[in-house]
C-alpha atoms as a PDB file:
ATOM      1  CA  MET A   1      27.688  11.748  -7.943  1.00  0.00           C
ATOM      2  CA  LYS A   2      24.401  13.576  -7.999  1.00  0.00           C
ATOM      3  CA  TYR A   3      22.293  14.112 -11.102  1.00  0.00           C
ATOM      4  CA  ARG A   4      18.689  15.052 -11.868  1.00  0.00           C
ATOM      5  CA  ASN A   5      17.076  16.123 -15.133  1.00  0.00           C
ATOM      6  CA  LYS A   6      13.549  16.109 -16.477  1.00  0.00           C
ATOM      7  CA  ILE A   7      12.800  15.280 -20.103  1.00  0.00           C
ATOM      8  CA  THR A   8       9.556  14.849 -22.002  1.00  0.00           C
ATOM      9  CA  ILE A   9       9.251  11.520 -23.787  1.00  0.00           C
ATOM     10  CA  LYS A  10       7.342  10.703 -27.015  1.00  0.00           C
ATOM     11  CA  ASN A  11       4.010  10.076 -25.275  1.00  0.00           C
ATOM     12  CA  GLY A  12       4.178  13.518 -23.636  1.00  0.00           C
ATOM     13  CA  LYS A  13       4.938  12.210 -20.133  1.00  0.00           C
ATOM     14  CA  ASP A  14       7.758  13.543 -18.008  1.00  0.00           C
ATOM     15  CA  CYS A  15      10.721  11.239 -17.424  1.00  0.00           C
ATOM     16  CA  ILE A  16      13.041  12.047 -14.556  1.00  0.00           C
ATOM     17  CA  ILE A  17      16.648  10.957 -15.052  1.00  0.00           C
ATOM     18  CA  ARG A  18      18.295  10.890 -11.646  1.00  0.00           C
ATOM     19  CA  ASN A  19      20.918   9.130  -9.619  1.00  0.00           C
ATOM     20  CA  ALA A  20      19.818   6.068  -7.687  1.00  0.00           C
ATOM     21  CA  THR A  21      19.932   6.181  -3.899  1.00  0.00           C
ATOM     22  CA  ALA A  22      19.816   3.551  -1.167  1.00  0.00           C
ATOM     23  CA  GLU A  23      16.071   4.189  -0.858  1.00  0.00           C
ATOM     24  CA  ASP A  24      15.650   2.701  -4.372  1.00  0.00           C
ATOM     25  CA  ALA A  25      17.045  -0.724  -3.374  1.00  0.00           C
ATOM     26  CA  THR A  26      13.725  -2.583  -3.123  1.00  0.00           C
ATOM     27  CA  GLU A  27      12.381  -1.330  -6.438  1.00  0.00           C
ATOM     28  CA  MET A  28      15.768  -1.752  -8.168  1.00  0.00           C
ATOM     29  CA  THR A  29      16.017  -5.402  -7.077  1.00  0.00           C
ATOM     30  CA  SER A  30      12.573  -6.088  -8.525  1.00  0.00           C
ATOM     31  CA  PHE A  31      13.386  -4.084 -11.670  1.00  0.00           C
ATOM     32  CA  PHE A  32      16.540  -6.151 -12.326  1.00  0.00           C
ATOM     33  CA  VAL A  33      14.680  -9.449 -12.119  1.00  0.00           C
ATOM     34  CA  THR A  34      11.995  -8.150 -14.498  1.00  0.00           C
ATOM     35  CA  ALA A  35      14.526  -6.713 -16.962  1.00  0.00           C
ATOM     36  CA  LEU A  36      16.618  -9.894 -16.986  1.00  0.00           C
ATOM     37  CA  GLY A  37      13.525 -11.857 -17.987  1.00  0.00           C
ATOM     38  CA  GLU A  38      12.668  -9.604 -20.932  1.00  0.00           C
ATOM     39  CA  THR A  39      15.643 -10.394 -23.190  1.00  0.00           C
ATOM     40  CA  ASP A  40      18.232 -13.060 -23.884  1.00  0.00           C
ATOM     41  CA  TYR A  41      20.884 -10.402 -24.540  1.00  0.00           C
ATOM     42  CA  LEU A  42      21.875  -9.607 -20.965  1.00  0.00           C
ATOM     43  CA  LEU A  43      24.597 -11.306 -18.920  1.00  0.00           C
ATOM     44  CA  SER A  44      22.270 -13.413 -16.789  1.00  0.00           C
ATOM     45  CA  TYR A  45      18.747 -14.767 -16.369  1.00  0.00           C
ATOM     46  CA  PRO A  46      16.313 -13.773 -13.591  1.00  0.00           C
ATOM     47  CA  GLU A  47      17.019 -16.921 -11.565  1.00  0.00           C
ATOM     48  CA  GLU A  48      20.743 -16.093 -11.626  1.00  0.00           C
ATOM     49  CA  HIS A  49      20.256 -12.658 -10.044  1.00  0.00           C
ATOM     50  CA  LEU A  50      21.931 -13.048  -6.666  1.00  0.00           C
ATOM     51  CA  SER A  51      21.833  -9.505  -5.312  1.00  0.00           C
ATOM     52  CA  SER A  52      19.737  -9.072  -2.168  1.00  0.00           C
ATOM     53  CA  GLU A  53      17.957  -5.860  -1.234  1.00  0.00           C
ATOM     54  CA  ASP A  54      20.548  -5.299   1.490  1.00  0.00           C
ATOM     55  CA  SER A  55      23.504  -5.663  -0.878  1.00  0.00           C
ATOM     56  CA  GLU A  56      21.730  -3.484  -3.467  1.00  0.00           C
ATOM     57  CA  ARG A  57      21.094  -0.836  -0.795  1.00  0.00           C
ATOM     58  CA  GLU A  58      24.780  -0.830   0.182  1.00  0.00           C
ATOM     59  CA  TYR A  59      25.891  -0.666  -3.467  1.00  0.00           C
ATOM     60  CA  LEU A  60      23.542   2.258  -4.191  1.00  0.00           C
ATOM     61  CA  LYS A  61      24.747   4.074  -1.076  1.00  0.00           C
ATOM     62  CA  THR A  62      28.344   3.648  -2.265  1.00  0.00           C
ATOM     63  CA  THR A  63      27.650   4.829  -5.821  1.00  0.00           C
ATOM     64  CA  SER A  64      25.635   7.830  -4.644  1.00  0.00           C
ATOM     65  CA  GLU A  65      28.691   8.962  -2.675  1.00  0.00           C
ATOM     66  CA  SER A  66      31.200   8.172  -5.454  1.00  0.00           C
ATOM     67  CA  LYS A  67      33.098  10.848  -7.371  1.00  0.00           C
ATOM     68  CA  ASN A  68      33.602   8.717 -10.492  1.00  0.00           C
ATOM     69  CA  GLU A  69      30.586   6.373 -10.631  1.00  0.00           C
ATOM     70  CA  ILE A  70      26.853   6.911 -10.883  1.00  0.00           C
ATOM     71  CA  GLU A  71      23.823   4.710 -11.350  1.00  0.00           C
ATOM     72  CA  LEU A  72      21.197   6.605 -13.304  1.00  0.00           C
ATOM     73  CA  LEU A  73      17.502   5.783 -13.218  1.00  0.00           C
ATOM     74  CA  ALA A  74      14.738   6.717 -15.624  1.00  0.00           C
ATOM     75  CA  VAL A  75      11.515   7.271 -13.662  1.00  0.00           C
ATOM     76  CA  VAL A  76       8.087   7.755 -15.266  1.00  0.00           C
ATOM     77  CA  ASP A  77       4.936   8.169 -13.186  1.00  0.00           C
ATOM     78  CA  GLY A  78       6.966   7.342 -10.072  1.00  0.00           C
ATOM     79  CA  LYS A  79       8.095   3.959 -11.438  1.00  0.00           C
ATOM     80  CA  ILE A  80      11.620   2.949 -12.470  1.00  0.00           C
ATOM     81  CA  VAL A  81      11.558   2.161 -16.192  1.00  0.00           C
ATOM     82  CA  GLY A  82      15.301   2.058 -16.972  1.00  0.00           C
ATOM     83  CA  GLY A  83      18.757   2.301 -15.555  1.00  0.00           C
ATOM     84  CA  ALA A  84      22.403   2.663 -16.462  1.00  0.00           C
ATOM     85  CA  ILE A  85      25.720   2.615 -14.652  1.00  0.00           C
ATOM     86  CA  VAL A  86      28.381   5.122 -15.688  1.00  0.00           C
ATOM     87  CA  VAL A  87      31.957   4.823 -14.458  1.00  0.00           C
ATOM     88  CA  ILE A  88      34.577   7.416 -15.293  1.00  0.00           C
ATOM     89  CA  ASP A  89      38.033   5.877 -15.150  1.00  0.00           C
ATOM     90  CA  GLU A  90      40.797   8.034 -13.835  1.00  0.00           C
ATOM     91  CA  ILE A  91      43.368   8.835 -16.486  1.00  0.00           C
END
């Protein structure tokens, strides 16, 4: 799935909400490790993150070509600041 939208956040900066692509693999891998270390309310801790950049790249390539799944990124000032996975089950 493909998606791109620009919103203005509270501090007046633009935030781009877009689908992740294989080119985001390096930054996404780093982002996951950082995010996992910021809260105890996620499924794992940073040291338990087993995804490599190569596996992340392949996963992002697959989701970017999917018709029922998308990984969305929030990007501010060129940096990934959030992400979400959306899967639409077939009924």
